[in-house]
Amino acid sequence: MTYLQLSACFLAIAALVALVLAAASRRRPNLTAVGVTILILFALTAVFDTVMIATGLFHYSPDHLVGVHIGLAPIEDFAYPLAGALLLPALWTALRARRRAHDLAQPEDES
């Protein structure tokens, strides 16, 4: 299995879960905030992966890479921050909607 295949599977699962959470809560995360988060995470990934690869903390087998790099970071590394930026806001929104529904369902204390 190549790194691209592994990344694609991981990203597909995260995106599917994010869609299910968004549909279940009938709310969606703020798309502008998600987009800005993705850009920031991609920039951080490019910088820090390049530094870690340059210092020899880890390396990738070139046989399993597509060959596209940003700095020294292979393009496959960007699937993980993308998955997090899609999944975590959807989870947060779903949990907030669930809590809001729970709070509305409980009668207020009349003391």
C-alpha atoms as a PDB file:
ATOM      1  CA  MET A   1       0.000   0.000   0.000  1.00  0.00           C
ATOM      2  CA  THR A   2       1.350   3.414  -0.911  1.00  0.00           C
ATOM      3  CA  TYR A   3       1.261   6.461   1.337  1.00  0.00           C
ATOM      4  CA  LEU A   4      -1.254   8.025  -1.056  1.00  0.00           C
ATOM      5  CA  GLN A   5      -3.621   5.065  -0.706  1.00  0.00           C
ATOM      6  CA  LEU A   6      -3.318   5.134   3.074  1.00  0.00           C
ATOM      7  CA  SER A   7      -3.890   8.890   3.151  1.00  0.00           C
ATOM      8  CA  ALA A   8      -6.876   8.611   0.799  1.00  0.00           C
ATOM      9  CA  CYS A   9      -8.505   5.954   3.000  1.00  0.00           C
ATOM     10  CA  PHE A  10      -7.935   8.012   6.132  1.00  0.00           C
ATOM     11  CA  LEU A  11      -9.249  11.175   4.478  1.00  0.00           C
ATOM     12  CA  ALA A  12     -12.309   9.405   3.041  1.00  0.00           C
ATOM     13  CA  ILE A  13     -13.268   8.016   6.444  1.00  0.00           C
ATOM     14  CA  ALA A  14     -12.818  11.410   8.113  1.00  0.00           C
ATOM     15  CA  ALA A  15     -14.860  13.186   5.420  1.00  0.00           C
ATOM     16  CA  LEU A  16     -17.632  10.578   5.623  1.00  0.00           C
ATOM     17  CA  VAL A  17     -17.834  10.891   9.406  1.00  0.00           C
ATOM     18  CA  ALA A  18     -17.860  14.689   9.103  1.00  0.00           C
ATOM     19  CA  LEU A  19     -20.742  14.524   6.617  1.00  0.00           C
ATOM     20  CA  VAL A  20     -22.704  12.148   8.834  1.00  0.00           C
ATOM     21  CA  LEU A  21     -22.171  14.381  11.866  1.00  0.00           C
ATOM     22  CA  ALA A  22     -23.206  17.479   9.924  1.00  0.00           C
ATOM     23  CA  ALA A  23     -26.342  15.750   8.627  1.00  0.00           C
ATOM     24  CA  ALA A  24     -27.246  14.386  12.060  1.00  0.00           C
ATOM     25  CA  SER A  25     -26.918  17.742  13.778  1.00  0.00           C
ATOM     26  CA  ARG A  26     -28.554  19.648  10.899  1.00  0.00           C
ATOM     27  CA  ARG A  27     -25.908  22.306  11.349  1.00  0.00           C
ATOM     28  CA  ARG A  28     -22.626  22.833   9.631  1.00  0.00           C
ATOM     29  CA  PRO A  29     -19.387  24.358  10.795  1.00  0.00           C
ATOM     30  CA  ASN A  30     -18.441  27.838   9.653  1.00  0.00           C
ATOM     31  CA  LEU A  31     -16.881  27.156   6.248  1.00  0.00           C
ATOM     32  CA  THR A  32     -14.714  30.279   6.310  1.00  0.00           C
ATOM     33  CA  ALA A  33     -13.191  29.230   9.613  1.00  0.00           C
ATOM     34  CA  VAL A  34     -12.606  25.702   8.311  1.00  0.00           C
ATOM     35  CA  GLY A  35     -10.924  27.084   5.176  1.00  0.00           C
ATOM     36  CA  VAL A  36      -8.637  29.393   7.134  1.00  0.00           C
ATOM     37  CA  THR A  37      -7.791  26.522   9.483  1.00  0.00           C
ATOM     38  CA  ILE A  38      -6.881  24.302   6.536  1.00  0.00           C
ATOM     39  CA  LEU A  39      -4.568  26.965   5.102  1.00  0.00           C
ATOM     40  CA  ILE A  40      -2.848  27.502   8.450  1.00  0.00           C
ATOM     41  CA  LEU A  41      -2.464  23.771   9.087  1.00  0.00           C
ATOM     42  CA  PHE A  42      -1.046  23.242   5.595  1.00  0.00           C
ATOM     43  CA  ALA A  43       1.512  26.018   6.144  1.00  0.00           C
ATOM     44  CA  LEU A  44       2.496  24.568   9.521  1.00  0.00           C
ATOM     45  CA  THR A  45       2.702  21.063   8.079  1.00  0.00           C
ATOM     46  CA  ALA A  46       4.941  22.256   5.242  1.00  0.00           C
ATOM     47  CA  VAL A  47       7.295  24.065   7.608  1.00  0.00           C
ATOM     48  CA  PHE A  48       7.520  21.555  10.429  1.00  0.00           C
ATOM     49  CA  ASP A  49       7.588  18.427   8.267  1.00  0.00           C
ATOM     50  CA  THR A  50      10.377  19.996   6.219  1.00  0.00           C
ATOM     51  CA  VAL A  51      12.346  20.731   9.385  1.00  0.00           C
ATOM     52  CA  MET A  52      11.777  17.251  10.818  1.00  0.00           C
ATOM     53  CA  ILE A  53      12.707  15.528   7.558  1.00  0.00           C
ATOM     54  CA  ALA A  54      15.774  17.770   7.101  1.00  0.00           C
ATOM     55  CA  THR A  55      17.030  16.945  10.598  1.00  0.00           C
ATOM     56  CA  GLY A  56      16.568  13.228   9.992  1.00  0.00           C
ATOM     57  CA  LEU A  57      13.812  12.574  12.517  1.00  0.00           C
ATOM     58  CA  PHE A  58      12.028  10.451   9.919  1.00  0.00           C
ATOM     59  CA  HIS A  59      12.058   9.661   6.237  1.00  0.00           C
ATOM     60  CA  TYR A  60       9.798   8.131   3.627  1.00  0.00           C
ATOM     61  CA  SER A  61      10.547   5.376   1.184  1.00  0.00           C
ATOM     62  CA  PRO A  62      10.528   7.050  -2.227  1.00  0.00           C
ATOM     63  CA  ASP A  63       9.034   3.867  -3.722  1.00  0.00           C
ATOM     64  CA  HIS A  64       5.753   4.554  -1.913  1.00  0.00           C
ATOM     65  CA  LEU A  65       5.464   8.292  -2.617  1.00  0.00           C
ATOM     66  CA  VAL A  66       3.790  10.088  -5.514  1.00  0.00           C
ATOM     67  CA  GLY A  67       6.817  12.355  -5.771  1.00  0.00           C
ATOM     68  CA  VAL A  68       5.148  15.731  -5.241  1.00  0.00           C
ATOM     69  CA  HIS A  69       6.664  17.672  -2.342  1.00  0.00           C
ATOM     70  CA  ILE A  70       6.088  21.015  -0.673  1.00  0.00           C
ATOM     71  CA  GLY A  71       9.455  21.797   0.800  1.00  0.00           C
ATOM     72  CA  LEU A  72      10.614  18.351   1.869  1.00  0.00           C
ATOM     73  CA  ALA A  73       7.110  17.288   2.939  1.00  0.00           C
ATOM     74  CA  PRO A  74       5.461  14.793   0.611  1.00  0.00           C
ATOM     75  CA  ILE A  75       1.981  15.754  -0.544  1.00  0.00           C
ATOM     76  CA  GLU A  76       0.580  12.700   1.253  1.00  0.00           C
ATOM     77  CA  ASP A  77       1.383  14.308   4.620  1.00  0.00           C
ATOM     78  CA  PHE A  78      -1.223  16.998   4.000  1.00  0.00           C
ATOM     79  CA  ALA A  79      -4.133  14.535   4.175  1.00  0.00           C
ATOM     80  CA  TYR A  80      -3.921  14.314   7.960  1.00  0.00           C
ATOM     81  CA  PRO A  81      -4.305  18.024   8.775  1.00  0.00           C
ATOM     82  CA  LEU A  82      -7.039  18.194   6.122  1.00  0.00           C
ATOM     83  CA  ALA A  83      -8.877  15.308   7.778  1.00  0.00           C
ATOM     84  CA  GLY A  84      -8.566  16.960  11.180  1.00  0.00           C
ATOM     85  CA  ALA A  85      -9.772  20.301   9.857  1.00  0.00           C
ATOM     86  CA  LEU A  86     -12.853  18.607   8.363  1.00  0.00           C
ATOM     87  CA  LEU A  87     -13.645  16.174  11.144  1.00  0.00           C
ATOM     88  CA  LEU A  88     -13.069  18.159  14.338  1.00  0.00           C
ATOM     89  CA  PRO A  89     -15.319  21.160  13.530  1.00  0.00           C
ATOM     90  CA  ALA A  90     -18.088  18.778  12.442  1.00  0.00           C
ATOM     91  CA  LEU A  91     -17.725  16.860  15.700  1.00  0.00           C
ATOM     92  CA  TRP A  92     -17.699  20.093  17.719  1.00  0.00           C
ATOM     93  CA  THR A  93     -20.813  21.382  15.939  1.00  0.00           C
ATOM     94  CA  ALA A  94     -22.642  18.096  16.452  1.00  0.00           C
ATOM     95  CA  LEU A  95     -21.778  18.007  20.157  1.00  0.00           C
ATOM     96  CA  ARG A  96     -22.894  21.637  20.609  1.00  0.00           C
ATOM     97  CA  ALA A  97     -26.186  20.897  18.832  1.00  0.00           C
ATOM     98  CA  ARG A  98     -26.713  17.856  21.024  1.00  0.00           C
ATOM     99  CA  ARG A  99     -26.022  19.842  24.181  1.00  0.00           C
ATOM    100  CA  ARG A 100     -28.323  22.653  23.026  1.00  0.00           C
ATOM    101  CA  ALA A 101     -31.121  20.147  22.377  1.00  0.00           C
ATOM    102  CA  HIS A 102     -30.533  18.582  25.785  1.00  0.00           C
ATOM    103  CA  ASP A 103     -30.628  21.984  27.512  1.00  0.00           C
ATOM    104  CA  LEU A 104     -33.855  22.945  25.748  1.00  0.00           C
ATOM    105  CA  ALA A 105     -35.482  19.646  26.684  1.00  0.00           C
ATOM    106  CA  GLN A 106     -34.889  20.117  30.409  1.00  0.00           C
ATOM    107  CA  PRO A 107     -37.283  22.437  32.291  1.00  0.00           C
ATOM    108  CA  GLU A 108     -35.692  25.426  33.950  1.00  0.00           C
ATOM    109  CA  ASP A 109     -35.270  25.436  37.708  1.00  0.00           C
ATOM    110  CA  GLU A 110     -38.031  27.557  39.298  1.00  0.00           C
ATOM    111  CA  SER A 111     -36.396  28.132  42.699  1.00  0.00           C
END
